[in-house]
Amino acid sequence: MPRPSPSEFVRNRLVGRVRAVFNDVEKGQEPVPPSDDALFAKDSPIRLVHADAVSMTVGGIRSLLLQMLHPPALHGVLDHSNFRQDMHGRLRRTARFIAITTFGHRDEAEKIIGRVNRIHAQVGGTLPDGTPYSAQDPRTLAWVHVAEALSFLEAYLHYVNPAMTYADQDEYFRQFAVIARKLGADPVPETKAEAEALFNEFRDDLTGSTEAREVADLVLNQRPKGTPPGVQTMLGTAAVDLLPSFARPMLGLKQPGLSLLPTKIATHTVGRTLRWAFKQ
């Protein structure tokens, strides 16, 4: 077998490191193979947006920070998971859910959606003010969905394709709505304008808290195993920059200052490098 060229060697090393971050390779977990019989067609907006590792990570961090401002979503995570002890594991599981439902065979997508619904059926409790909460509440699920969808798309527009057409952006929400409805979310936006309107409607439900700030600190400062030094800081700073201005003080965060320009340059550079590595 001929030896790989230097560029192919570098490409393979990069791909291997990224796959090790997003897959539990110690347990033999393999990347999700794209299927021609997925829920969504090849090269459709949802598959283009969800294929970019860097913008999805930035969007995922932004989304998680926003979700923690919603008390039922926050306590559903903190009361019923080991998020504090295994933040990276939870983020990996979320990333795998997105990968399977976007790219995997539709049977595998339905299977993992069913598994998540069964887990949600066991998650419930009481907020500190005595209000009951449930992970099956359609409105809570709607908040989680709209925070994710807007965050993933915002990061994609910012770091990958700012020229994405409005029609494709609306189609992205229509496609993502398929998954949200299968999870029990309601209401579910089908256009970007509907998503932004629903997001604004949730503003009165959001609140800062000690627990939300604790999660923000974990997400931004706890480096997952295998992540190269500096990458977590870069991605976290990029995510905080994309947060709505009202959300940062609620999470005890500030708008990035002098570090923002080098962060943006580095994020663009890493994104282009990984797209080259994955031949996207």
C-alpha atoms as a PDB file:
ATOM      1  CA  MET A   1       0.000   0.000   0.000  1.00  0.00           C
ATOM      2  CA  PRO A   2       1.495   3.408  -0.969  1.00  0.00           C
ATOM      3  CA  ARG A   3       2.204   5.838   1.844  1.00  0.00           C
ATOM      4  CA  PRO A   4      -0.245   8.764   2.055  1.00  0.00           C
ATOM      5  CA  SER A   5       0.945  12.159   0.906  1.00  0.00           C
ATOM      6  CA  PRO A   6       1.801  14.726   3.619  1.00  0.00           C
ATOM      7  CA  SER A   7      -1.493  16.519   3.000  1.00  0.00           C
ATOM      8  CA  GLU A   8      -3.481  13.288   3.299  1.00  0.00           C
ATOM      9  CA  PHE A   9      -1.594  12.411   6.481  1.00  0.00           C
ATOM     10  CA  VAL A  10      -2.537  15.781   7.994  1.00  0.00           C
ATOM     11  CA  ARG A  11      -6.106  15.395   6.759  1.00  0.00           C
ATOM     12  CA  ASN A  12      -6.463  11.967   8.342  1.00  0.00           C
ATOM     13  CA  ARG A  13      -4.996  13.155  11.655  1.00  0.00           C
ATOM     14  CA  LEU A  14      -7.440  16.064  11.809  1.00  0.00           C
ATOM     15  CA  VAL A  15     -10.419  13.870  10.971  1.00  0.00           C
ATOM     16  CA  GLY A  16      -9.362  11.364  13.601  1.00  0.00           C
ATOM     17  CA  ARG A  17      -9.036  14.000  16.322  1.00  0.00           C
ATOM     18  CA  VAL A  18     -12.409  15.535  15.558  1.00  0.00           C
ATOM     19  CA  ARG A  19     -14.131  12.132  15.498  1.00  0.00           C
ATOM     20  CA  ALA A  20     -12.537  11.305  18.849  1.00  0.00           C
ATOM     21  CA  VAL A  21     -14.055  14.454  20.364  1.00  0.00           C
ATOM     22  CA  PHE A  22     -17.576  13.794  19.043  1.00  0.00           C
ATOM     23  CA  ASN A  23     -17.635   9.993  19.405  1.00  0.00           C
ATOM     24  CA  ASP A  24     -16.880   7.806  22.406  1.00  0.00           C
ATOM     25  CA  VAL A  25     -14.088   5.927  20.650  1.00  0.00           C
ATOM     26  CA  GLU A  26     -13.071   4.193  23.896  1.00  0.00           C
ATOM     27  CA  LYS A  27     -16.393   2.337  23.740  1.00  0.00           C
ATOM     28  CA  GLY A  28     -16.056   1.675  20.033  1.00  0.00           C
ATOM     29  CA  GLN A  29     -18.541   4.332  18.931  1.00  0.00           C
ATOM     30  CA  GLU A  30     -18.295   5.089  15.221  1.00  0.00           C
ATOM     31  CA  PRO A  31     -19.318   8.245  13.330  1.00  0.00           C
ATOM     32  CA  VAL A  32     -22.857   8.227  11.928  1.00  0.00           C
ATOM     33  CA  PRO A  33     -22.709   7.179   8.237  1.00  0.00           C
ATOM     34  CA  PRO A  34     -24.807   9.445   5.976  1.00  0.00           C
ATOM     35  CA  SER A  35     -27.752   7.543   4.535  1.00  0.00           C
ATOM     36  CA  ASP A  36     -29.530   7.973   1.216  1.00  0.00           C
ATOM     37  CA  ASP A  37     -32.705   7.023   3.110  1.00  0.00           C
ATOM     38  CA  ALA A  38     -32.506   9.661   5.839  1.00  0.00           C
ATOM     39  CA  LEU A  39     -35.362  11.887   6.990  1.00  0.00           C
ATOM     40  CA  PHE A  40     -33.885  14.671   4.838  1.00  0.00           C
ATOM     41  CA  ALA A  41     -32.477  14.703   1.323  1.00  0.00           C
ATOM     42  CA  LYS A  42     -28.774  15.055   0.610  1.00  0.00           C
ATOM     43  CA  ASP A  43     -27.603  18.693   0.277  1.00  0.00           C
ATOM     44  CA  SER A  44     -30.866  20.019   1.733  1.00  0.00           C
ATOM     45  CA  PRO A  45     -30.509  23.005   4.121  1.00  0.00           C
ATOM     46  CA  ILE A  46     -30.645  21.031   7.363  1.00  0.00           C
ATOM     47  CA  ARG A  47     -27.908  18.673   6.208  1.00  0.00           C
ATOM     48  CA  LEU A  48     -25.698  21.543   5.046  1.00  0.00           C
ATOM     49  CA  VAL A  49     -26.082  23.438   8.335  1.00  0.00           C
ATOM     50  CA  HIS A  50     -25.633  20.403  10.580  1.00  0.00           C
ATOM     51  CA  ALA A  51     -22.596  19.129   8.663  1.00  0.00           C
ATOM     52  CA  ASP A  52     -20.219  21.896   9.770  1.00  0.00           C
ATOM     53  CA  ALA A  53     -18.445  20.860  12.969  1.00  0.00           C
ATOM     54  CA  VAL A  54     -17.192  24.292  14.026  1.00  0.00           C
ATOM     55  CA  SER A  55     -20.352  26.329  13.473  1.00  0.00           C
ATOM     56  CA  MET A  56     -22.452  23.559  15.041  1.00  0.00           C
ATOM     57  CA  THR A  57     -20.232  23.592  18.128  1.00  0.00           C
ATOM     58  CA  VAL A  58     -20.443  27.382  18.406  1.00  0.00           C
ATOM     59  CA  GLY A  59     -24.206  27.215  17.883  1.00  0.00           C
ATOM     60  CA  GLY A  60     -24.535  24.339  20.331  1.00  0.00           C
ATOM     61  CA  ILE A  61     -22.765  26.281  23.080  1.00  0.00           C
ATOM     62  CA  ARG A  62     -24.925  29.344  22.385  1.00  0.00           C
ATOM     63  CA  SER A  63     -28.041  27.179  22.446  1.00  0.00           C
ATOM     64  CA  LEU A  64     -27.174  25.486  25.733  1.00  0.00           C
ATOM     65  CA  LEU A  65     -26.454  28.826  27.408  1.00  0.00           C
ATOM     66  CA  LEU A  66     -29.831  30.145  26.263  1.00  0.00           C
ATOM     67  CA  GLN A  67     -31.704  26.992  27.292  1.00  0.00           C
ATOM     68  CA  MET A  68     -30.396  27.308  30.850  1.00  0.00           C
ATOM     69  CA  LEU A  69     -32.258  30.621  31.227  1.00  0.00           C
ATOM     70  CA  HIS A  70     -35.540  28.675  31.114  1.00  0.00           C
ATOM     71  CA  PRO A  71     -36.084  27.245  34.638  1.00  0.00           C
ATOM     72  CA  PRO A  72     -37.864  24.000  33.622  1.00  0.00           C
ATOM     73  CA  ALA A  73     -35.189  23.226  31.002  1.00  0.00           C
ATOM     74  CA  LEU A  74     -32.419  24.081  33.477  1.00  0.00           C
ATOM     75  CA  HIS A  75     -33.733  21.912  36.305  1.00  0.00           C
ATOM     76  CA  GLY A  76     -34.598  19.070  33.962  1.00  0.00           C
ATOM     77  CA  VAL A  77     -30.880  18.903  33.137  1.00  0.00           C
ATOM     78  CA  LEU A  78     -29.477  19.484  36.627  1.00  0.00           C
ATOM     79  CA  ASP A  79     -31.971  17.333  38.557  1.00  0.00           C
ATOM     80  CA  HIS A  80     -32.002  14.339  36.229  1.00  0.00           C
ATOM     81  CA  SER A  81     -28.516  14.008  34.749  1.00  0.00           C
ATOM     82  CA  ASN A  82     -24.870  13.980  35.732  1.00  0.00           C
ATOM     83  CA  PHE A  83     -24.210  17.110  33.690  1.00  0.00           C
ATOM     84  CA  ARG A  84     -21.897  18.627  36.312  1.00  0.00           C
ATOM     85  CA  GLN A  85     -19.730  15.497  36.385  1.00  0.00           C
ATOM     86  CA  ASP A  86     -19.947  14.545  32.707  1.00  0.00           C
ATOM     87  CA  MET A  87     -20.724  17.666  30.688  1.00  0.00           C
ATOM     88  CA  HIS A  88     -18.791  16.349  27.699  1.00  0.00           C
ATOM     89  CA  GLY A  89     -20.722  13.077  27.711  1.00  0.00           C
ATOM     90  CA  ARG A  90     -24.040  14.883  27.585  1.00  0.00           C
ATOM     91  CA  LEU A  91     -22.853  17.171  24.795  1.00  0.00           C
ATOM     92  CA  ARG A  92     -21.638  14.129  22.876  1.00  0.00           C
ATOM     93  CA  ARG A  93     -25.035  12.461  23.232  1.00  0.00           C
ATOM     94  CA  THR A  94     -26.786  15.612  22.008  1.00  0.00           C
ATOM     95  CA  ALA A  95     -24.423  15.854  19.027  1.00  0.00           C
ATOM     96  CA  ARG A  96     -25.063  12.191  18.194  1.00  0.00           C
ATOM     97  CA  PHE A  97     -28.825  12.725  18.363  1.00  0.00           C
ATOM     98  CA  ILE A  98     -28.494  15.595  15.877  1.00  0.00           C
ATOM     99  CA  ALA A  99     -26.240  13.500  13.625  1.00  0.00           C
ATOM    100  CA  ILE A 100     -28.528  10.461  13.568  1.00  0.00           C
ATOM    101  CA  THR A 101     -31.750  12.412  13.034  1.00  0.00           C
ATOM    102  CA  THR A 102     -30.174  14.544  10.300  1.00  0.00           C
ATOM    103  CA  PHE A 103     -27.949  12.104   8.428  1.00  0.00           C
ATOM    104  CA  GLY A 104     -28.746   8.578   9.620  1.00  0.00           C
ATOM    105  CA  HIS A 105     -31.165   6.070   8.145  1.00  0.00           C
ATOM    106  CA  ARG A 106     -34.737   7.089   8.924  1.00  0.00           C
ATOM    107  CA  ASP A 107     -35.277   3.903  10.950  1.00  0.00           C
ATOM    108  CA  GLU A 108     -32.324   4.798  13.181  1.00  0.00           C
ATOM    109  CA  ALA A 109     -33.641   8.358  13.468  1.00  0.00           C
ATOM    110  CA  GLU A 110     -37.056   7.148  14.603  1.00  0.00           C
ATOM    111  CA  LYS A 111     -35.405   4.750  17.049  1.00  0.00           C
ATOM    112  CA  ILE A 112     -33.329   7.434  18.784  1.00  0.00           C
ATOM    113  CA  ILE A 113     -36.272   9.849  18.864  1.00  0.00           C
ATOM    114  CA  GLY A 114     -38.312   7.150  20.594  1.00  0.00           C
ATOM    115  CA  ARG A 115     -35.501   6.592  23.081  1.00  0.00           C
ATOM    116  CA  VAL A 116     -35.350  10.304  23.939  1.00  0.00           C
ATOM    117  CA  ASN A 117     -39.133  10.443  24.344  1.00  0.00           C
ATOM    118  CA  ARG A 118     -38.978   7.539  26.800  1.00  0.00           C
ATOM    119  CA  ILE A 119     -36.263   9.331  28.787  1.00  0.00           C
ATOM    120  CA  HIS A 120     -38.307  12.544  28.822  1.00  0.00           C
ATOM    121  CA  ALA A 121     -41.271  10.620  30.225  1.00  0.00           C
ATOM    122  CA  GLN A 122     -39.230   9.977  33.385  1.00  0.00           C
ATOM    123  CA  VAL A 123     -38.025  13.568  33.850  1.00  0.00           C
ATOM    124  CA  GLY A 124     -40.060  15.860  36.060  1.00  0.00           C
ATOM    125  CA  GLY A 125     -40.037  17.581  39.401  1.00  0.00           C
ATOM    126  CA  THR A 126     -40.658  20.843  41.184  1.00  0.00           C
ATOM    127  CA  LEU A 127     -38.932  24.171  40.667  1.00  0.00           C
ATOM    128  CA  PRO A 128     -37.610  26.083  43.714  1.00  0.00           C
ATOM    129  CA  ASP A 129     -40.778  28.237  43.672  1.00  0.00           C
ATOM    130  CA  GLY A 130     -42.984  25.133  43.853  1.00  0.00           C
ATOM    131  CA  THR A 131     -43.994  25.060  40.183  1.00  0.00           C
ATOM    132  CA  PRO A 132     -44.087  21.523  38.750  1.00  0.00           C
ATOM    133  CA  TYR A 133     -42.131  20.832  35.568  1.00  0.00           C
ATOM    134  CA  SER A 134     -41.942  18.002  33.059  1.00  0.00           C
ATOM    135  CA  ALA A 135     -39.574  17.279  30.182  1.00  0.00           C
ATOM    136  CA  GLN A 136     -42.658  16.296  28.182  1.00  0.00           C
ATOM    137  CA  ASP A 137     -44.156  19.778  28.447  1.00  0.00           C
ATOM    138  CA  PRO A 138     -44.698  20.885  24.816  1.00  0.00           C
ATOM    139  CA  ARG A 139     -43.821  24.504  25.535  1.00  0.00           C
ATOM    140  CA  THR A 140     -40.534  23.630  27.274  1.00  0.00           C
ATOM    141  CA  LEU A 141     -39.651  21.414  24.319  1.00  0.00           C
ATOM    142  CA  ALA A 142     -40.548  24.293  21.997  1.00  0.00           C
ATOM    143  CA  TRP A 143     -38.097  26.566  23.836  1.00  0.00           C
ATOM    144  CA  VAL A 144     -35.298  24.013  23.594  1.00  0.00           C
ATOM    145  CA  HIS A 145     -36.010  23.572  19.888  1.00  0.00           C
ATOM    146  CA  VAL A 146     -36.183  27.247  18.956  1.00  0.00           C
ATOM    147  CA  ALA A 147     -33.024  28.031  20.945  1.00  0.00           C
ATOM    148  CA  GLU A 148     -31.207  25.236  19.098  1.00  0.00           C
ATOM    149  CA  ALA A 149     -32.499  26.015  15.620  1.00  0.00           C
ATOM    150  CA  LEU A 150     -31.809  29.754  15.807  1.00  0.00           C
ATOM    151  CA  SER A 151     -28.375  29.158  17.335  1.00  0.00           C
ATOM    152  CA  PHE A 152     -27.245  26.564  14.793  1.00  0.00           C
ATOM    153  CA  LEU A 153     -28.392  28.736  11.897  1.00  0.00           C
ATOM    154  CA  GLU A 154     -26.915  31.943  13.349  1.00  0.00           C
ATOM    155  CA  ALA A 155     -23.490  30.330  13.721  1.00  0.00           C
ATOM    156  CA  TYR A 156     -23.704  28.846  10.214  1.00  0.00           C
ATOM    157  CA  LEU A 157     -24.562  32.237   8.709  1.00  0.00           C
ATOM    158  CA  HIS A 158     -21.784  33.899  10.683  1.00  0.00           C
ATOM    159  CA  TYR A 159     -18.984  31.393  10.076  1.00  0.00           C
ATOM    160  CA  VAL A 160     -19.855  29.392   6.961  1.00  0.00           C
ATOM    161  CA  ASN A 161     -22.330  30.894   4.513  1.00  0.00           C
ATOM    162  CA  PRO A 162     -23.618  34.417   5.167  1.00  0.00           C
ATOM    163  CA  ALA A 163     -25.137  34.377   1.662  1.00  0.00           C
ATOM    164  CA  MET A 164     -27.561  31.531   2.450  1.00  0.00           C
ATOM    165  CA  THR A 165     -30.862  32.536   0.843  1.00  0.00           C
ATOM    166  CA  TYR A 166     -33.904  33.425   2.913  1.00  0.00           C
ATOM    167  CA  ALA A 167     -35.775  30.612   1.188  1.00  0.00           C
ATOM    168  CA  ASP A 168     -33.155  28.081   2.319  1.00  0.00           C
ATOM    169  CA  GLN A 169     -33.213  29.523   5.836  1.00  0.00           C
ATOM    170  CA  ASP A 170     -36.983  29.054   5.980  1.00  0.00           C
ATOM    171  CA  GLU A 171     -36.609  25.529   4.601  1.00  0.00           C
ATOM    172  CA  TYR A 172     -34.112  24.800   7.395  1.00  0.00           C
ATOM    173  CA  PHE A 173     -36.802  25.597   9.982  1.00  0.00           C
ATOM    174  CA  ARG A 174     -39.418  23.552   8.125  1.00  0.00           C
ATOM    175  CA  GLN A 175     -37.079  20.558   8.101  1.00  0.00           C
ATOM    176  CA  PHE A 176     -35.991  20.910  11.732  1.00  0.00           C
ATOM    177  CA  ALA A 177     -39.671  21.178  12.676  1.00  0.00           C
ATOM    178  CA  VAL A 178     -40.102  17.525  11.646  1.00  0.00           C
ATOM    179  CA  ILE A 179     -37.809  16.415  14.479  1.00  0.00           C
ATOM    180  CA  ALA A 180     -39.252  18.898  16.982  1.00  0.00           C
ATOM    181  CA  ARG A 181     -42.804  17.623  16.439  1.00  0.00           C
ATOM    182  CA  LYS A 182     -41.721  14.014  16.830  1.00  0.00           C
ATOM    183  CA  LEU A 183     -40.301  15.024  20.231  1.00  0.00           C
ATOM    184  CA  GLY A 184     -43.610  16.629  21.247  1.00  0.00           C
ATOM    185  CA  ALA A 185     -42.731  20.322  20.927  1.00  0.00           C
ATOM    186  CA  ASP A 186     -45.558  22.815  20.421  1.00  0.00           C
ATOM    187  CA  PRO A 187     -45.657  25.437  18.984  1.00  0.00           C
ATOM    188  CA  VAL A 188     -43.033  24.713  16.321  1.00  0.00           C
ATOM    189  CA  PRO A 189     -41.927  27.475  13.914  1.00  0.00           C
ATOM    190  CA  GLU A 190     -41.657  26.706  10.205  1.00  0.00           C
ATOM    191  CA  THR A 191     -39.954  29.921   9.041  1.00  0.00           C
ATOM    192  CA  LYS A 192     -37.196  32.106  10.407  1.00  0.00           C
ATOM    193  CA  ALA A 193     -39.672  34.918  11.111  1.00  0.00           C
ATOM    194  CA  GLU A 194     -41.878  32.526  13.111  1.00  0.00           C
ATOM    195  CA  ALA A 195     -38.824  31.281  15.030  1.00  0.00           C
ATOM    196  CA  GLU A 196     -37.723  34.810  15.935  1.00  0.00           C
ATOM    197  CA  ALA A 197     -41.268  35.726  16.992  1.00  0.00           C
ATOM    198  CA  LEU A 198     -41.522  32.640  19.209  1.00  0.00           C
ATOM    199  CA  PHE A 199     -38.098  33.339  20.700  1.00  0.00           C
ATOM    200  CA  ASN A 200     -39.212  36.860  21.639  1.00  0.00           C
ATOM    201  CA  GLU A 201     -42.424  35.438  23.110  1.00  0.00           C
ATOM    202  CA  PHE A 202     -40.331  33.365  25.514  1.00  0.00           C
ATOM    203  CA  ARG A 203     -38.456  36.377  26.882  1.00  0.00           C
ATOM    204  CA  ASP A 204     -40.812  36.721  29.860  1.00  0.00           C
ATOM    205  CA  ASP A 205     -40.213  33.058  30.806  1.00  0.00           C
ATOM    206  CA  LEU A 206     -36.444  33.461  31.082  1.00  0.00           C
ATOM    207  CA  THR A 207     -34.505  34.274  34.220  1.00  0.00           C
ATOM    208  CA  GLY A 208     -30.928  34.385  35.381  1.00  0.00           C
ATOM    209  CA  SER A 209     -29.987  32.216  38.359  1.00  0.00           C
ATOM    210  CA  THR A 210     -27.026  30.901  40.288  1.00  0.00           C
ATOM    211  CA  GLU A 211     -27.527  27.511  38.641  1.00  0.00           C
ATOM    212  CA  ALA A 212     -27.657  28.993  35.128  1.00  0.00           C
ATOM    213  CA  ARG A 213     -24.429  30.898  35.779  1.00  0.00           C
ATOM    214  CA  GLU A 214     -22.862  27.695  37.131  1.00  0.00           C
ATOM    215  CA  VAL A 215     -23.746  25.859  33.913  1.00  0.00           C
ATOM    216  CA  ALA A 216     -22.358  28.741  31.851  1.00  0.00           C
ATOM    217  CA  ASP A 217     -19.084  28.532  33.748  1.00  0.00           C
ATOM    218  CA  LEU A 218     -18.885  24.765  33.209  1.00  0.00           C
ATOM    219  CA  VAL A 219     -19.647  25.003  29.507  1.00  0.00           C
ATOM    220  CA  LEU A 220     -17.192  27.816  28.857  1.00  0.00           C
ATOM    221  CA  ASN A 221     -14.319  26.794  31.114  1.00  0.00           C
ATOM    222  CA  GLN A 222     -14.326  22.996  31.480  1.00  0.00           C
ATOM    223  CA  ARG A 223     -12.193  21.609  28.636  1.00  0.00           C
ATOM    224  CA  PRO A 224     -13.486  18.282  27.313  1.00  0.00           C
ATOM    225  CA  LYS A 225     -10.949  15.464  27.131  1.00  0.00           C
ATOM    226  CA  GLY A 226      -9.109  15.476  23.823  1.00  0.00           C
ATOM    227  CA  THR A 227      -9.912  19.083  22.946  1.00  0.00           C
ATOM    228  CA  PRO A 228      -6.743  20.926  21.850  1.00  0.00           C
ATOM    229  CA  PRO A 229      -5.655  23.731  24.224  1.00  0.00           C
ATOM    230  CA  GLY A 230      -7.250  27.054  23.340  1.00  0.00           C
ATOM    231  CA  VAL A 231      -9.995  25.580  21.193  1.00  0.00           C
ATOM    232  CA  GLN A 232     -12.579  25.574  24.003  1.00  0.00           C
ATOM    233  CA  THR A 233     -11.830  29.225  24.757  1.00  0.00           C
ATOM    234  CA  MET A 234     -12.090  30.124  21.077  1.00  0.00           C
ATOM    235  CA  LEU A 235     -15.421  28.348  20.564  1.00  0.00           C
ATOM    236  CA  GLY A 236     -16.853  29.636  23.836  1.00  0.00           C
ATOM    237  CA  THR A 237     -15.904  33.237  23.070  1.00  0.00           C
ATOM    238  CA  ALA A 238     -17.449  32.933  19.601  1.00  0.00           C
ATOM    239  CA  ALA A 239     -20.679  31.585  21.156  1.00  0.00           C
ATOM    240  CA  VAL A 240     -20.877  34.333  23.806  1.00  0.00           C
ATOM    241  CA  ASP A 241     -20.405  36.933  21.063  1.00  0.00           C
ATOM    242  CA  LEU A 242     -23.474  35.565  19.226  1.00  0.00           C
ATOM    243  CA  LEU A 243     -25.719  35.596  22.316  1.00  0.00           C
ATOM    244  CA  PRO A 244     -28.543  38.166  22.358  1.00  0.00           C
ATOM    245  CA  SER A 245     -27.447  41.191  24.381  1.00  0.00           C
ATOM    246  CA  PHE A 246     -30.099  40.571  27.061  1.00  0.00           C
ATOM    247  CA  ALA A 247     -28.803  37.052  27.780  1.00  0.00           C
ATOM    248  CA  ARG A 248     -25.177  37.813  28.694  1.00  0.00           C
ATOM    249  CA  PRO A 249     -25.844  39.696  31.968  1.00  0.00           C
ATOM    250  CA  MET A 250     -28.414  37.069  32.978  1.00  0.00           C
ATOM    251  CA  LEU A 251     -25.623  34.496  32.724  1.00  0.00           C
ATOM    252  CA  GLY A 252     -22.989  36.681  34.377  1.00  0.00           C
ATOM    253  CA  LEU A 253     -21.172  37.100  31.056  1.00  0.00           C
ATOM    254  CA  LYS A 254     -19.784  40.119  29.250  1.00  0.00           C
ATOM    255  CA  GLN A 255     -19.500  40.962  25.585  1.00  0.00           C
ATOM    256  CA  PRO A 256     -16.061  39.760  24.437  1.00  0.00           C
ATOM    257  CA  GLY A 257     -13.609  42.637  24.156  1.00  0.00           C
ATOM    258  CA  LEU A 258     -10.176  42.740  22.571  1.00  0.00           C
ATOM    259  CA  SER A 259     -10.133  38.944  22.194  1.00  0.00           C
ATOM    260  CA  LEU A 260     -13.078  38.979  19.789  1.00  0.00           C
ATOM    261  CA  LEU A 261     -11.240  39.804  16.547  1.00  0.00           C
ATOM    262  CA  PRO A 262      -8.568  37.086  16.924  1.00  0.00           C
ATOM    263  CA  THR A 263     -11.320  34.692  18.037  1.00  0.00           C
ATOM    264  CA  LYS A 264     -13.321  35.337  14.875  1.00  0.00           C
ATOM    265  CA  ILE A 265     -10.250  34.940  12.682  1.00  0.00           C
ATOM    266  CA  ALA A 266      -9.288  31.694  14.451  1.00  0.00           C
ATOM    267  CA  THR A 267     -12.839  30.292  14.262  1.00  0.00           C
ATOM    268  CA  HIS A 268     -13.071  31.031  10.536  1.00  0.00           C
ATOM    269  CA  THR A 269      -9.635  29.462  10.004  1.00  0.00           C
ATOM    270  CA  VAL A 270     -10.388  26.298  11.989  1.00  0.00           C
ATOM    271  CA  GLY A 271     -13.729  25.955  10.226  1.00  0.00           C
ATOM    272  CA  ARG A 272     -12.149  26.192   6.771  1.00  0.00           C
ATOM    273  CA  THR A 273      -9.429  23.732   7.795  1.00  0.00           C
ATOM    274  CA  LEU A 274     -11.937  21.150   9.008  1.00  0.00           C
ATOM    275  CA  ARG A 275     -14.102  21.550   5.919  1.00  0.00           C
ATOM    276  CA  TRP A 276     -10.953  20.830   3.886  1.00  0.00           C
ATOM    277  CA  ALA A 277     -10.153  17.822   6.108  1.00  0.00           C
ATOM    278  CA  PHE A 278     -13.636  16.380   5.718  1.00  0.00           C
ATOM    279  CA  LYS A 279     -13.693  17.291   1.998  1.00  0.00           C
ATOM    280  CA  GLN A 280     -16.841  19.366   2.411  1.00  0.00           C
END
